Amino acid sequence: MIFDWDRHAAVSDYTELFTYMEASWARHFDRSEFLGSIVESSNHIRVSDQWGLGPVSAEPSTEADVSLIVPHQGLAINAWADQVAATVFASAVNGYARDHWATDRQSPVIVASPHDPAWSAGEIRRRAREGGFAAIALPFGPVLFGSTHYDPVYEAASETGLPIVAHYSGVEGRYSGAPPLSGGVHYSALSRKVLMPQVAESNISSLAFEGTFERFPPVRFLFSGVGFTWLPGLLWRLDREWRTFRHDVPWVKRTPSSYVLERVWATTWPVHEATLSGDWQRLFGEESYRSRVVFGSHDPFDGDSPAHLREQLGTEDGSLVLGNGTALLPLDQAVQG
């Protein structure tokens, strides 16, 4: 089977979300102040007139047997100052996604809030009981993923068996609610995009050294849209520092790389970066590394296709990666709570 773990969909008209929230909140989101902020942020996350993208087809690729649908408009709540409004908006997006994008061949994510883990845990359990979802989208926040701040989210993920997807929203490094980027404020959208892998690396390092993998053995993470060629170098450095200073982190009971190579995946897009200088063959020669890479088309944003993946990696390796997504399917666990 072919698994596409990074397809995007959007609400073409913000009023479509109003039926998924109380009337007072609908009036709130229909005010000019809110619309003004959406128009401004859409310049950075490519989301349309009021929302900016126009309708995105909910039909999966003809080559993909199973697709994960990521509503990129929902991810941008990581930069919202009004955190209560962010949870209302995320819940509305989740309700809309279940009714409009959940089919036999594709499943949306449950958008959680990095600012409100307690609310997120309840939303995850509720939506998982409803069915139709295949993962949890946890936007990057100002607190790194290894912090106990997120323990309620990880508890809910453990109970529901859903993997956690971390995909950048496009506002990282620009607004105070979202995580900063290396070195300071970057004024170019291109500069910010180039540095997105550093956000993933920071959060993986946090997960490895702060004991999250030990505290929550069932939880799996997919870092999506941020490339993957940086992974081997990061794991080498994590293990090197752990061997030198392991007495400072006794809760990390084995090499950080062993946790990551069991519990963390990354999507292929953009797969071309792995073939520019032979990095795929040089860095991903071992099966333990190749198994960490899953296909993500990033459709419709200048994405990759299964055919392009086979062309870039070779038929055998391309087919392997296209099937790696099996490991991220929801675990067969009873939903509790």
C-alpha atoms as a PDB file:
ATOM      1  CA  MET A   1       0.000   0.000   0.000  1.00  0.00           C
ATOM      2  CA  ILE A   2       1.028   3.608  -0.575  1.00  0.00           C
ATOM      3  CA  PHE A   3       0.683   5.945   2.393  1.00  0.00           C
ATOM      4  CA  ASP A   4       0.748   9.718   1.934  1.00  0.00           C
ATOM      5  CA  TRP A   5       1.306  11.342   5.321  1.00  0.00           C
ATOM      6  CA  ASP A   6       1.275  14.984   4.257  1.00  0.00           C
ATOM      7  CA  ARG A   7      -1.632  16.217   2.138  1.00  0.00           C
ATOM      8  CA  HIS A   8      -3.143  19.625   2.849  1.00  0.00           C
ATOM      9  CA  ALA A   9      -6.715  20.840   2.706  1.00  0.00           C
ATOM     10  CA  ALA A  10      -8.294  24.180   3.461  1.00  0.00           C
ATOM     11  CA  VAL A  11     -11.581  25.858   4.254  1.00  0.00           C
ATOM     12  CA  SER A  12     -12.238  28.164   1.314  1.00  0.00           C
ATOM     13  CA  ASP A  13     -14.654  30.423   3.221  1.00  0.00           C
ATOM     14  CA  TYR A  14     -14.194  31.080   6.943  1.00  0.00           C
ATOM     15  CA  THR A  15     -17.981  31.203   7.473  1.00  0.00           C
ATOM     16  CA  GLU A  16     -18.112  27.444   6.822  1.00  0.00           C
ATOM     17  CA  LEU A  17     -16.709  26.985  10.326  1.00  0.00           C
ATOM     18  CA  PHE A  18     -19.482  28.940  12.046  1.00  0.00           C
ATOM     19  CA  THR A  19     -21.809  25.957  12.377  1.00  0.00           C
ATOM     20  CA  TYR A  20     -19.104  24.241  14.431  1.00  0.00           C
ATOM     21  CA  MET A  21     -19.007  26.886  17.169  1.00  0.00           C
ATOM     22  CA  GLU A  22     -21.389  28.838  19.364  1.00  0.00           C
ATOM     23  CA  ALA A  23     -23.060  31.889  17.802  1.00  0.00           C
ATOM     24  CA  SER A  24     -21.167  34.274  20.093  1.00  0.00           C
ATOM     25  CA  TRP A  25     -17.849  32.896  18.825  1.00  0.00           C
ATOM     26  CA  ALA A  26     -19.043  33.113  15.230  1.00  0.00           C
ATOM     27  CA  ARG A  27     -19.671  36.817  15.789  1.00  0.00           C
ATOM     28  CA  HIS A  28     -16.212  37.134  17.309  1.00  0.00           C
ATOM     29  CA  PHE A  29     -14.514  35.572  14.292  1.00  0.00           C
ATOM     30  CA  ASP A  30     -16.590  37.671  11.896  1.00  0.00           C
ATOM     31  CA  ARG A  31     -15.267  40.957  13.305  1.00  0.00           C
ATOM     32  CA  SER A  32     -12.939  43.090  11.238  1.00  0.00           C
ATOM     33  CA  GLU A  33     -10.137  42.861  13.806  1.00  0.00           C
ATOM     34  CA  PHE A  34      -9.988  39.093  13.451  1.00  0.00           C
ATOM     35  CA  LEU A  35     -10.241  39.164   9.667  1.00  0.00           C
ATOM     36  CA  GLY A  36      -7.434  41.688   9.479  1.00  0.00           C
ATOM     37  CA  SER A  37      -5.083  39.407  11.380  1.00  0.00           C
ATOM     38  CA  ILE A  38      -6.013  36.463   9.174  1.00  0.00           C
ATOM     39  CA  VAL A  39      -5.306  38.404   6.000  1.00  0.00           C
ATOM     40  CA  GLU A  40      -1.913  39.433   7.364  1.00  0.00           C
ATOM     41  CA  SER A  41      -0.934  35.961   8.479  1.00  0.00           C
ATOM     42  CA  SER A  42      -2.113  34.472   5.187  1.00  0.00           C
ATOM     43  CA  ASN A  43       0.764  36.277   3.507  1.00  0.00           C
ATOM     44  CA  HIS A  44       3.091  33.873   5.318  1.00  0.00           C
ATOM     45  CA  ILE A  45       1.128  30.637   5.270  1.00  0.00           C
ATOM     46  CA  ARG A  46      -0.472  30.947   1.827  1.00  0.00           C
ATOM     47  CA  VAL A  47      -4.087  30.742   2.786  1.00  0.00           C
ATOM     48  CA  SER A  48      -6.229  32.985   0.396  1.00  0.00           C
ATOM     49  CA  ASP A  49      -8.643  35.978   0.157  1.00  0.00           C
ATOM     50  CA  GLN A  50     -10.063  35.688   3.621  1.00  0.00           C
ATOM     51  CA  TRP A  51      -8.373  32.313   4.076  1.00  0.00           C
ATOM     52  CA  GLY A  52      -6.431  32.250   0.902  1.00  0.00           C
ATOM     53  CA  LEU A  53      -6.095  29.026  -0.953  1.00  0.00           C
ATOM     54  CA  GLY A  54      -9.353  28.483  -2.707  1.00  0.00           C
ATOM     55  CA  PRO A  55     -10.920  25.054  -2.351  1.00  0.00           C
ATOM     56  CA  VAL A  56      -8.441  22.216  -2.106  1.00  0.00           C
ATOM     57  CA  SER A  57      -9.659  18.927  -3.492  1.00  0.00           C
ATOM     58  CA  ALA A  58     -10.447  16.378  -0.826  1.00  0.00           C
ATOM     59  CA  GLU A  59      -9.806  13.595  -3.320  1.00  0.00           C
ATOM     60  CA  PRO A  60      -6.569  11.705  -2.602  1.00  0.00           C
ATOM     61  CA  SER A  61      -3.904  11.045  -5.198  1.00  0.00           C
ATOM     62  CA  THR A  62      -4.832   8.221  -7.541  1.00  0.00           C
ATOM     63  CA  GLU A  63      -1.613   6.497  -6.458  1.00  0.00           C
ATOM     64  CA  ALA A  64      -2.163   6.846  -2.708  1.00  0.00           C
ATOM     65  CA  ASP A  65      -4.167   4.154  -0.961  1.00  0.00           C
ATOM     66  CA  VAL A  66      -4.291   6.071   2.322  1.00  0.00           C
ATOM     67  CA  SER A  67      -3.786   9.824   2.856  1.00  0.00           C
ATOM     68  CA  LEU A  68      -3.473  11.969   5.967  1.00  0.00           C
ATOM     69  CA  ILE A  69      -5.165  15.370   5.620  1.00  0.00           C
ATOM     70  CA  VAL A  70      -3.497  18.313   7.377  1.00  0.00           C
ATOM     71  CA  PRO A  71      -5.589  21.529   7.617  1.00  0.00           C
ATOM     72  CA  HIS A  72      -2.783  24.059   7.465  1.00  0.00           C
ATOM     73  CA  GLN A  73      -5.091  26.901   8.548  1.00  0.00           C
ATOM     74  CA  GLY A  74      -5.487  25.179  11.909  1.00  0.00           C
ATOM     75  CA  LEU A  75      -1.733  24.894  12.474  1.00  0.00           C
ATOM     76  CA  ALA A  76      -1.316  28.678  12.625  1.00  0.00           C
ATOM     77  CA  ILE A  77      -2.959  28.863  16.073  1.00  0.00           C
ATOM     78  CA  ASN A  78       0.557  28.419  17.453  1.00  0.00           C
ATOM     79  CA  ALA A  79       0.983  32.186  16.937  1.00  0.00           C
ATOM     80  CA  TRP A  80      -2.381  33.339  18.304  1.00  0.00           C
ATOM     81  CA  ALA A  81      -2.302  35.583  21.358  1.00  0.00           C
ATOM     82  CA  ASP A  82      -5.928  34.732  22.218  1.00  0.00           C
ATOM     83  CA  GLN A  83      -5.458  31.161  23.337  1.00  0.00           C
ATOM     84  CA  VAL A  84      -9.116  30.604  24.227  1.00  0.00           C
ATOM     85  CA  ALA A  85     -10.174  31.647  20.734  1.00  0.00           C
ATOM     86  CA  ALA A  86      -7.494  29.322  19.367  1.00  0.00           C
ATOM     87  CA  THR A  87      -9.102  26.296  21.016  1.00  0.00           C
ATOM     88  CA  VAL A  88     -12.538  27.267  19.682  1.00  0.00           C
ATOM     89  CA  PHE A  89     -11.101  27.663  16.203  1.00  0.00           C
ATOM     90  CA  ALA A  90      -9.197  24.359  16.382  1.00  0.00           C
ATOM     91  CA  SER A  91     -12.301  22.510  17.530  1.00  0.00           C
ATOM     92  CA  ALA A  92     -14.307  24.008  14.638  1.00  0.00           C
ATOM     93  CA  VAL A  93     -11.621  22.951  12.170  1.00  0.00           C
ATOM     94  CA  ASN A  94     -11.679  19.426  13.631  1.00  0.00           C
ATOM     95  CA  GLY A  95     -15.456  19.193  13.326  1.00  0.00           C
ATOM     96  CA  TYR A  96     -15.389  20.472   9.758  1.00  0.00           C
ATOM     97  CA  ALA A  97     -12.552  18.091   8.845  1.00  0.00           C
ATOM     98  CA  ARG A  98     -14.415  15.043  10.122  1.00  0.00           C
ATOM     99  CA  ASP A  99     -17.580  15.937   8.205  1.00  0.00           C
ATOM    100  CA  HIS A 100     -15.902  16.952   4.934  1.00  0.00           C
ATOM    101  CA  TRP A 101     -12.542  15.191   4.612  1.00  0.00           C
ATOM    102  CA  ALA A 102     -12.843  11.828   6.385  1.00  0.00           C
ATOM    103  CA  THR A 103     -13.389   8.985   3.904  1.00  0.00           C
ATOM    104  CA  ASP A 104     -12.358   5.346   3.518  1.00  0.00           C
ATOM    105  CA  ARG A 105      -9.154   6.450   1.789  1.00  0.00           C
ATOM    106  CA  GLN A 106      -8.174   9.470   3.840  1.00  0.00           C
ATOM    107  CA  SER A 107      -8.301  10.724   7.395  1.00  0.00           C
ATOM    108  CA  PRO A 108      -7.726  14.188   8.857  1.00  0.00           C
ATOM    109  CA  VAL A 109      -5.634  15.025  11.885  1.00  0.00           C
ATOM    110  CA  ILE A 110      -7.019  16.277  15.201  1.00  0.00           C
ATOM    111  CA  VAL A 111      -5.583  19.780  15.628  1.00  0.00           C
ATOM    112  CA  ALA A 112      -4.375  20.324  19.208  1.00  0.00           C
ATOM    113  CA  SER A 113      -3.228  23.542  20.852  1.00  0.00           C
ATOM    114  CA  PRO A 114       0.381  23.790  22.070  1.00  0.00           C
ATOM    115  CA  HIS A 115      -0.761  26.498  24.507  1.00  0.00           C
ATOM    116  CA  ASP A 116      -3.483  24.459  26.249  1.00  0.00           C
ATOM    117  CA  PRO A 117      -2.501  20.790  26.761  1.00  0.00           C
ATOM    118  CA  ALA A 118      -5.432  20.092  29.121  1.00  0.00           C
ATOM    119  CA  TRP A 119      -7.997  21.238  26.551  1.00  0.00           C
ATOM    120  CA  SER A 120      -6.086  19.393  23.830  1.00  0.00           C
ATOM    121  CA  ALA A 121      -6.177  16.115  25.753  1.00  0.00           C
ATOM    122  CA  GLY A 122      -9.948  16.337  26.080  1.00  0.00           C
ATOM    123  CA  GLU A 123     -10.348  17.249  22.406  1.00  0.00           C
ATOM    124  CA  ILE A 124      -8.153  14.318  21.352  1.00  0.00           C
ATOM    125  CA  ARG A 125     -10.165  11.814  23.377  1.00  0.00           C
ATOM    126  CA  ARG A 126     -13.497  13.222  22.191  1.00  0.00           C
ATOM    127  CA  ARG A 127     -12.562  13.279  18.522  1.00  0.00           C
ATOM    128  CA  ALA A 128     -10.966   9.826  18.705  1.00  0.00           C
ATOM    129  CA  ARG A 129     -14.236   8.430  20.067  1.00  0.00           C
ATOM    130  CA  GLU A 130     -16.081  10.037  17.139  1.00  0.00           C
ATOM    131  CA  GLY A 131     -13.780   8.269  14.688  1.00  0.00           C
ATOM    132  CA  GLY A 132     -12.501   9.326  11.296  1.00  0.00           C
ATOM    133  CA  PHE A 133      -9.141  10.725  12.503  1.00  0.00           C
ATOM    134  CA  ALA A 134      -5.750   9.066  12.047  1.00  0.00           C
ATOM    135  CA  ALA A 135      -3.332  11.364  13.902  1.00  0.00           C
ATOM    136  CA  ILE A 136      -2.911  14.359  16.199  1.00  0.00           C
ATOM    137  CA  ALA A 137      -1.420  17.586  14.831  1.00  0.00           C
ATOM    138  CA  LEU A 138       0.550  19.370  17.545  1.00  0.00           C
ATOM    139  CA  PRO A 139       1.792  22.714  16.185  1.00  0.00           C
ATOM    140  CA  PHE A 140       5.253  23.845  17.260  1.00  0.00           C
ATOM    141  CA  GLY A 141       4.943  26.075  20.312  1.00  0.00           C
ATOM    142  CA  PRO A 142       7.228  28.172  22.502  1.00  0.00           C
ATOM    143  CA  VAL A 143       7.673  25.169  24.830  1.00  0.00           C
ATOM    144  CA  LEU A 144       9.767  22.290  23.449  1.00  0.00           C
ATOM    145  CA  PHE A 145       8.087  18.901  23.045  1.00  0.00           C
ATOM    146  CA  GLY A 146      10.136  17.196  25.768  1.00  0.00           C
ATOM    147  CA  SER A 147       8.630  19.387  28.497  1.00  0.00           C
ATOM    148  CA  THR A 148       6.135  17.941  30.970  1.00  0.00           C
ATOM    149  CA  HIS A 149       3.912  20.802  29.765  1.00  0.00           C
ATOM    150  CA  TYR A 150       2.719  18.416  27.031  1.00  0.00           C
ATOM    151  CA  ASP A 151       2.184  15.357  29.248  1.00  0.00           C
ATOM    152  CA  PRO A 152      -1.650  15.587  29.015  1.00  0.00           C
ATOM    153  CA  VAL A 153      -1.360  15.455  25.210  1.00  0.00           C
ATOM    154  CA  TYR A 154       0.971  12.456  25.369  1.00  0.00           C
ATOM    155  CA  GLU A 155      -1.314  10.668  27.813  1.00  0.00           C
ATOM    156  CA  ALA A 156      -4.221  11.115  25.396  1.00  0.00           C
ATOM    157  CA  ALA A 157      -2.065  10.002  22.472  1.00  0.00           C
ATOM    158  CA  SER A 158      -1.031   6.900  24.420  1.00  0.00           C
ATOM    159  CA  GLU A 159      -4.652   6.029  25.171  1.00  0.00           C
ATOM    160  CA  THR A 160      -5.976   6.593  21.661  1.00  0.00           C
ATOM    161  CA  GLY A 161      -3.017   5.079  19.810  1.00  0.00           C
ATOM    162  CA  LEU A 162      -2.786   8.048  17.448  1.00  0.00           C
ATOM    163  CA  PRO A 163       0.628   9.340  16.300  1.00  0.00           C
ATOM    164  CA  ILE A 164       1.573  12.990  16.797  1.00  0.00           C
ATOM    165  CA  VAL A 165       2.295  15.001  13.648  1.00  0.00           C
ATOM    166  CA  ALA A 166       4.464  18.118  13.916  1.00  0.00           C
ATOM    167  CA  HIS A 167       4.211  20.276  10.788  1.00  0.00           C
ATOM    168  CA  TYR A 168       5.334  23.897  10.669  1.00  0.00           C
ATOM    169  CA  SER A 169       2.619  26.505  10.233  1.00  0.00           C
ATOM    170  CA  GLY A 170       4.771  29.094   8.465  1.00  0.00           C
ATOM    171  CA  VAL A 171       4.572  31.683  11.235  1.00  0.00           C
ATOM    172  CA  GLU A 172       7.417  30.261  13.332  1.00  0.00           C
ATOM    173  CA  GLY A 173      10.016  32.914  14.048  1.00  0.00           C
ATOM    174  CA  ARG A 174       7.602  35.750  13.263  1.00  0.00           C
ATOM    175  CA  TYR A 175       5.025  35.943  16.070  1.00  0.00           C
ATOM    176  CA  SER A 176       5.678  35.713  19.786  1.00  0.00           C
ATOM    177  CA  GLY A 177       3.404  32.719  20.383  1.00  0.00           C
ATOM    178  CA  ALA A 178       5.258  30.540  17.891  1.00  0.00           C
ATOM    179  CA  PRO A 179       8.781  29.194  18.489  1.00  0.00           C
ATOM    180  CA  PRO A 180      11.733  31.468  17.669  1.00  0.00           C
ATOM    181  CA  LEU A 181      14.316  30.561  15.048  1.00  0.00           C
ATOM    182  CA  SER A 182      18.056  30.259  15.461  1.00  0.00           C
ATOM    183  CA  GLY A 183      20.068  33.411  15.958  1.00  0.00           C
ATOM    184  CA  GLY A 184      17.225  35.894  16.267  1.00  0.00           C
ATOM    185  CA  VAL A 185      14.482  37.410  14.142  1.00  0.00           C
ATOM    186  CA  HIS A 186      14.645  36.617  10.432  1.00  0.00           C
ATOM    187  CA  TYR A 187      12.852  39.085   8.216  1.00  0.00           C
ATOM    188  CA  SER A 188      12.762  37.008   5.039  1.00  0.00           C
ATOM    189  CA  ALA A 189      10.127  34.317   4.562  1.00  0.00           C
ATOM    190  CA  LEU A 190      12.724  32.323   2.649  1.00  0.00           C
ATOM    191  CA  SER A 191      15.201  32.559   5.532  1.00  0.00           C
ATOM    192  CA  ARG A 192      12.562  31.323   7.957  1.00  0.00           C
ATOM    193  CA  LYS A 193      11.644  28.407   5.713  1.00  0.00           C
ATOM    194  CA  VAL A 194      15.285  27.349   5.337  1.00  0.00           C
ATOM    195  CA  LEU A 195      15.596  27.167   9.131  1.00  0.00           C
ATOM    196  CA  MET A 196      12.481  25.055   9.785  1.00  0.00           C
ATOM    197  CA  PRO A 197      14.538  21.832  10.157  1.00  0.00           C
ATOM    198  CA  GLN A 198      16.175  23.425  13.215  1.00  0.00           C
ATOM    199  CA  VAL A 199      12.775  23.590  14.909  1.00  0.00           C
ATOM    200  CA  ALA A 200      12.355  19.847  14.350  1.00  0.00           C
ATOM    201  CA  GLU A 201      15.894  19.095  15.558  1.00  0.00           C
ATOM    202  CA  SER A 202      15.383  21.170  18.721  1.00  0.00           C
ATOM    203  CA  ASN A 203      12.200  19.324  19.587  1.00  0.00           C
ATOM    204  CA  ILE A 204      13.667  15.873  18.908  1.00  0.00           C
ATOM    205  CA  SER A 205      16.639  16.729  21.142  1.00  0.00           C
ATOM    206  CA  SER A 206      14.209  17.851  23.831  1.00  0.00           C
ATOM    207  CA  LEU A 207      12.184  14.630  23.547  1.00  0.00           C
ATOM    208  CA  ALA A 208      15.334  12.523  23.773  1.00  0.00           C
ATOM    209  CA  PHE A 209      16.985  14.233  26.755  1.00  0.00           C
ATOM    210  CA  GLU A 210      13.957  15.145  28.863  1.00  0.00           C
ATOM    211  CA  GLY A 211      12.639  11.610  29.225  1.00  0.00           C
ATOM    212  CA  THR A 212       9.440  11.754  27.164  1.00  0.00           C
ATOM    213  CA  PHE A 213      10.196   8.500  25.376  1.00  0.00           C
ATOM    214  CA  GLU A 214      10.628   6.728  28.723  1.00  0.00           C
ATOM    215  CA  ARG A 215       7.488   8.235  30.263  1.00  0.00           C
ATOM    216  CA  PHE A 216       5.239   7.510  27.273  1.00  0.00           C
ATOM    217  CA  PRO A 217       6.390   4.346  25.459  1.00  0.00           C
ATOM    218  CA  PRO A 218       3.436   4.189  23.006  1.00  0.00           C
ATOM    219  CA  VAL A 219       3.777   7.737  21.655  1.00  0.00           C
ATOM    220  CA  ARG A 220       5.080   8.139  18.090  1.00  0.00           C
ATOM    221  CA  PHE A 221       6.096  11.370  16.370  1.00  0.00           C
ATOM    222  CA  LEU A 222       6.107  12.375  12.703  1.00  0.00           C
ATOM    223  CA  PHE A 223       8.027  15.522  11.751  1.00  0.00           C
ATOM    224  CA  SER A 224       6.475  16.617   8.499  1.00  0.00           C
ATOM    225  CA  GLY A 225       7.509  19.047   5.763  1.00  0.00           C
ATOM    226  CA  VAL A 226      10.930  19.816   7.278  1.00  0.00           C
ATOM    227  CA  GLY A 227      13.106  17.463   5.255  1.00  0.00           C
ATOM    228  CA  PHE A 228      14.991  14.496   6.684  1.00  0.00           C
ATOM    229  CA  THR A 229      18.653  14.497   5.611  1.00  0.00           C
ATOM    230  CA  TRP A 230      19.609  16.184   8.887  1.00  0.00           C
ATOM    231  CA  LEU A 231      18.521  13.165  10.945  1.00  0.00           C
ATOM    232  CA  PRO A 232      21.696  10.986  10.912  1.00  0.00           C
ATOM    233  CA  GLY A 233      23.947  13.886  11.916  1.00  0.00           C
ATOM    234  CA  LEU A 234      21.586  14.895  14.707  1.00  0.00           C
ATOM    235  CA  LEU A 235      21.473  11.369  16.126  1.00  0.00           C
ATOM    236  CA  TRP A 236      25.267  11.065  16.062  1.00  0.00           C
ATOM    237  CA  ARG A 237      25.568  14.271  18.081  1.00  0.00           C
ATOM    238  CA  LEU A 238      22.835  13.252  20.550  1.00  0.00           C
ATOM    239  CA  ASP A 239      24.580   9.946  21.256  1.00  0.00           C
ATOM    240  CA  ARG A 240      27.998  11.578  21.554  1.00  0.00           C
ATOM    241  CA  GLU A 241      26.813  14.053  24.177  1.00  0.00           C
ATOM    242  CA  TRP A 242      24.832  11.390  26.022  1.00  0.00           C
ATOM    243  CA  ARG A 243      27.870   9.122  26.333  1.00  0.00           C
ATOM    244  CA  THR A 244      29.896  12.002  27.750  1.00  0.00           C
ATOM    245  CA  PHE A 245      27.299  13.398  30.162  1.00  0.00           C
ATOM    246  CA  ARG A 246      24.877  10.514  30.721  1.00  0.00           C
ATOM    247  CA  HIS A 247      25.250  10.883  34.496  1.00  0.00           C
ATOM    248  CA  ASP A 248      23.364  14.208  34.143  1.00  0.00           C
ATOM    249  CA  VAL A 249      20.323  12.515  32.572  1.00  0.00           C
ATOM    250  CA  PRO A 250      19.901   9.159  34.376  1.00  0.00           C
ATOM    251  CA  TRP A 251      16.303   8.939  33.130  1.00  0.00           C
ATOM    252  CA  VAL A 252      17.649   8.484  29.575  1.00  0.00           C
ATOM    253  CA  LYS A 253      18.396   4.784  29.988  1.00  0.00           C
ATOM    254  CA  ARG A 254      19.818   4.068  26.545  1.00  0.00           C
ATOM    255  CA  THR A 255      21.267   5.926  23.600  1.00  0.00           C
ATOM    256  CA  PRO A 256      19.014   8.755  22.371  1.00  0.00           C
ATOM    257  CA  SER A 257      19.297   7.434  18.813  1.00  0.00           C
ATOM    258  CA  SER A 258      17.739   4.120  19.855  1.00  0.00           C
ATOM    259  CA  TYR A 259      14.622   5.944  21.075  1.00  0.00           C
ATOM    260  CA  VAL A 260      14.401   8.107  17.976  1.00  0.00           C
ATOM    261  CA  LEU A 261      14.915   5.194  15.586  1.00  0.00           C
ATOM    262  CA  GLU A 262      11.950   3.467  17.211  1.00  0.00           C
ATOM    263  CA  ARG A 263       9.556   6.357  17.778  1.00  0.00           C
ATOM    264  CA  VAL A 264      10.265   9.187  15.317  1.00  0.00           C
ATOM    265  CA  TRP A 265       9.642   9.460  11.568  1.00  0.00           C
ATOM    266  CA  ALA A 266      10.054  12.231   8.982  1.00  0.00           C
ATOM    267  CA  THR A 267       8.307  12.814   5.666  1.00  0.00           C
ATOM    268  CA  THR A 268      10.149  12.773   2.364  1.00  0.00           C
ATOM    269  CA  TRP A 269       9.281  16.229   1.080  1.00  0.00           C
ATOM    270  CA  PRO A 270      11.404  17.622  -0.436  1.00  0.00           C
ATOM    271  CA  VAL A 271      12.939  14.299  -1.469  1.00  0.00           C
ATOM    272  CA  HIS A 272      15.172  15.932  -4.086  1.00  0.00           C
ATOM    273  CA  GLU A 273      17.458  17.332  -1.387  1.00  0.00           C
ATOM    274  CA  ALA A 274      18.488  13.775  -0.485  1.00  0.00           C
ATOM    275  CA  THR A 275      19.682  13.005  -4.002  1.00  0.00           C
ATOM    276  CA  LEU A 276      21.591  16.194  -4.853  1.00  0.00           C
ATOM    277  CA  SER A 277      24.904  14.853  -3.548  1.00  0.00           C
ATOM    278  CA  GLY A 278      24.116  11.194  -2.983  1.00  0.00           C
ATOM    279  CA  ASP A 279      22.966  11.766   0.593  1.00  0.00           C
ATOM    280  CA  TRP A 280      20.332   9.042   0.384  1.00  0.00           C
ATOM    281  CA  GLN A 281      22.869   6.298  -0.350  1.00  0.00           C
ATOM    282  CA  ARG A 282      25.539   7.807   1.895  1.00  0.00           C
ATOM    283  CA  LEU A 283      23.442   8.643   4.981  1.00  0.00           C
ATOM    284  CA  PHE A 284      20.528   6.241   4.723  1.00  0.00           C
ATOM    285  CA  GLY A 285      22.297   3.030   3.810  1.00  0.00           C
ATOM    286  CA  GLU A 286      21.133   1.246   6.950  1.00  0.00           C
ATOM    287  CA  GLU A 287      17.591  -0.078   7.175  1.00  0.00           C
ATOM    288  CA  SER A 288      17.165   1.493  10.609  1.00  0.00           C
ATOM    289  CA  TYR A 289      17.475   4.930   8.998  1.00  0.00           C
ATOM    290  CA  ARG A 290      15.524   4.186   5.826  1.00  0.00           C
ATOM    291  CA  SER A 291      12.601   2.958   7.891  1.00  0.00           C
ATOM    292  CA  ARG A 292      12.314   6.409   9.511  1.00  0.00           C
ATOM    293  CA  VAL A 293      11.345   8.067   6.242  1.00  0.00           C
ATOM    294  CA  VAL A 294       7.726   8.027   5.065  1.00  0.00           C
ATOM    295  CA  PHE A 295       6.165   9.469   1.949  1.00  0.00           C
ATOM    296  CA  GLY A 296       4.563  12.887   2.239  1.00  0.00           C
ATOM    297  CA  SER A 297       3.453  14.551  -0.987  1.00  0.00           C
ATOM    298  CA  HIS A 298       2.996  18.022   0.583  1.00  0.00           C
ATOM    299  CA  ASP A 299       0.244  18.351  -1.998  1.00  0.00           C
ATOM    300  CA  PRO A 300      -0.853  20.853  -3.286  1.00  0.00           C
ATOM    301  CA  PHE A 301       2.156  22.980  -2.311  1.00  0.00           C
ATOM    302  CA  ASP A 302       4.845  22.089  -4.874  1.00  0.00           C
ATOM    303  CA  GLY A 303       4.679  18.529  -3.663  1.00  0.00           C
ATOM    304  CA  ASP A 304       6.228  15.192  -4.599  1.00  0.00           C
ATOM    305  CA  SER A 305       4.473  12.223  -6.187  1.00  0.00           C
ATOM    306  CA  PRO A 306       5.049   8.483  -5.728  1.00  0.00           C
ATOM    307  CA  ALA A 307       6.426   8.350  -9.275  1.00  0.00           C
ATOM    308  CA  HIS A 308       8.875  11.167  -8.494  1.00  0.00           C
ATOM    309  CA  LEU A 309       9.925   9.393  -5.293  1.00  0.00           C
ATOM    310  CA  ARG A 310      10.756   6.196  -7.186  1.00  0.00           C
ATOM    311  CA  GLU A 311      12.616   8.217  -9.788  1.00  0.00           C
ATOM    312  CA  GLN A 312      14.726   9.999  -7.153  1.00  0.00           C
ATOM    313  CA  LEU A 313      15.441   7.064  -4.824  1.00  0.00           C
ATOM    314  CA  GLY A 314      15.235   4.166  -7.249  1.00  0.00           C
ATOM    315  CA  THR A 315      12.346   1.762  -7.648  1.00  0.00           C
ATOM    316  CA  GLU A 316      13.273  -0.527  -4.744  1.00  0.00           C
ATOM    317  CA  ASP A 317      14.004   2.164  -2.165  1.00  0.00           C
ATOM    318  CA  GLY A 318      11.114   4.305  -3.372  1.00  0.00           C
ATOM    319  CA  SER A 319       8.679   1.434  -2.922  1.00  0.00           C
ATOM    320  CA  LEU A 320      10.098   0.782   0.546  1.00  0.00           C
ATOM    321  CA  VAL A 321       9.532   4.390   1.618  1.00  0.00           C
ATOM    322  CA  LEU A 322       6.033   4.459   0.113  1.00  0.00           C
ATOM    323  CA  GLY A 323       5.070   1.575   2.385  1.00  0.00           C
ATOM    324  CA  ASN A 324       6.858   2.776   5.535  1.00  0.00           C
ATOM    325  CA  GLY A 325       3.754   4.670   6.628  1.00  0.00           C
ATOM    326  CA  THR A 326       2.227   1.417   7.903  1.00  0.00           C
ATOM    327  CA  ALA A 327       4.129   1.951  11.135  1.00  0.00           C
ATOM    328  CA  LEU A 328       2.224   5.187  11.798  1.00  0.00           C
ATOM    329  CA  LEU A 329      -1.280   3.815  11.430  1.00  0.00           C
ATOM    330  CA  PRO A 330      -3.358   4.161  14.652  1.00  0.00           C
ATOM    331  CA  LEU A 331      -2.523   1.479  17.200  1.00  0.00           C
ATOM    332  CA  ASP A 332      -5.180  -1.061  18.011  1.00  0.00           C
ATOM    333  CA  GLN A 333      -6.004   0.263  21.476  1.00  0.00           C
ATOM    334  CA  ALA A 334      -9.262   0.974  23.254  1.00  0.00           C
ATOM    335  CA  VAL A 335     -10.062   4.632  23.660  1.00  0.00           C
ATOM    336  CA  GLN A 336     -10.307   5.528  27.315  1.00  0.00           C
ATOM    337  CA  GLY A 337     -11.311   8.629  29.208  1.00  0.00           C
END
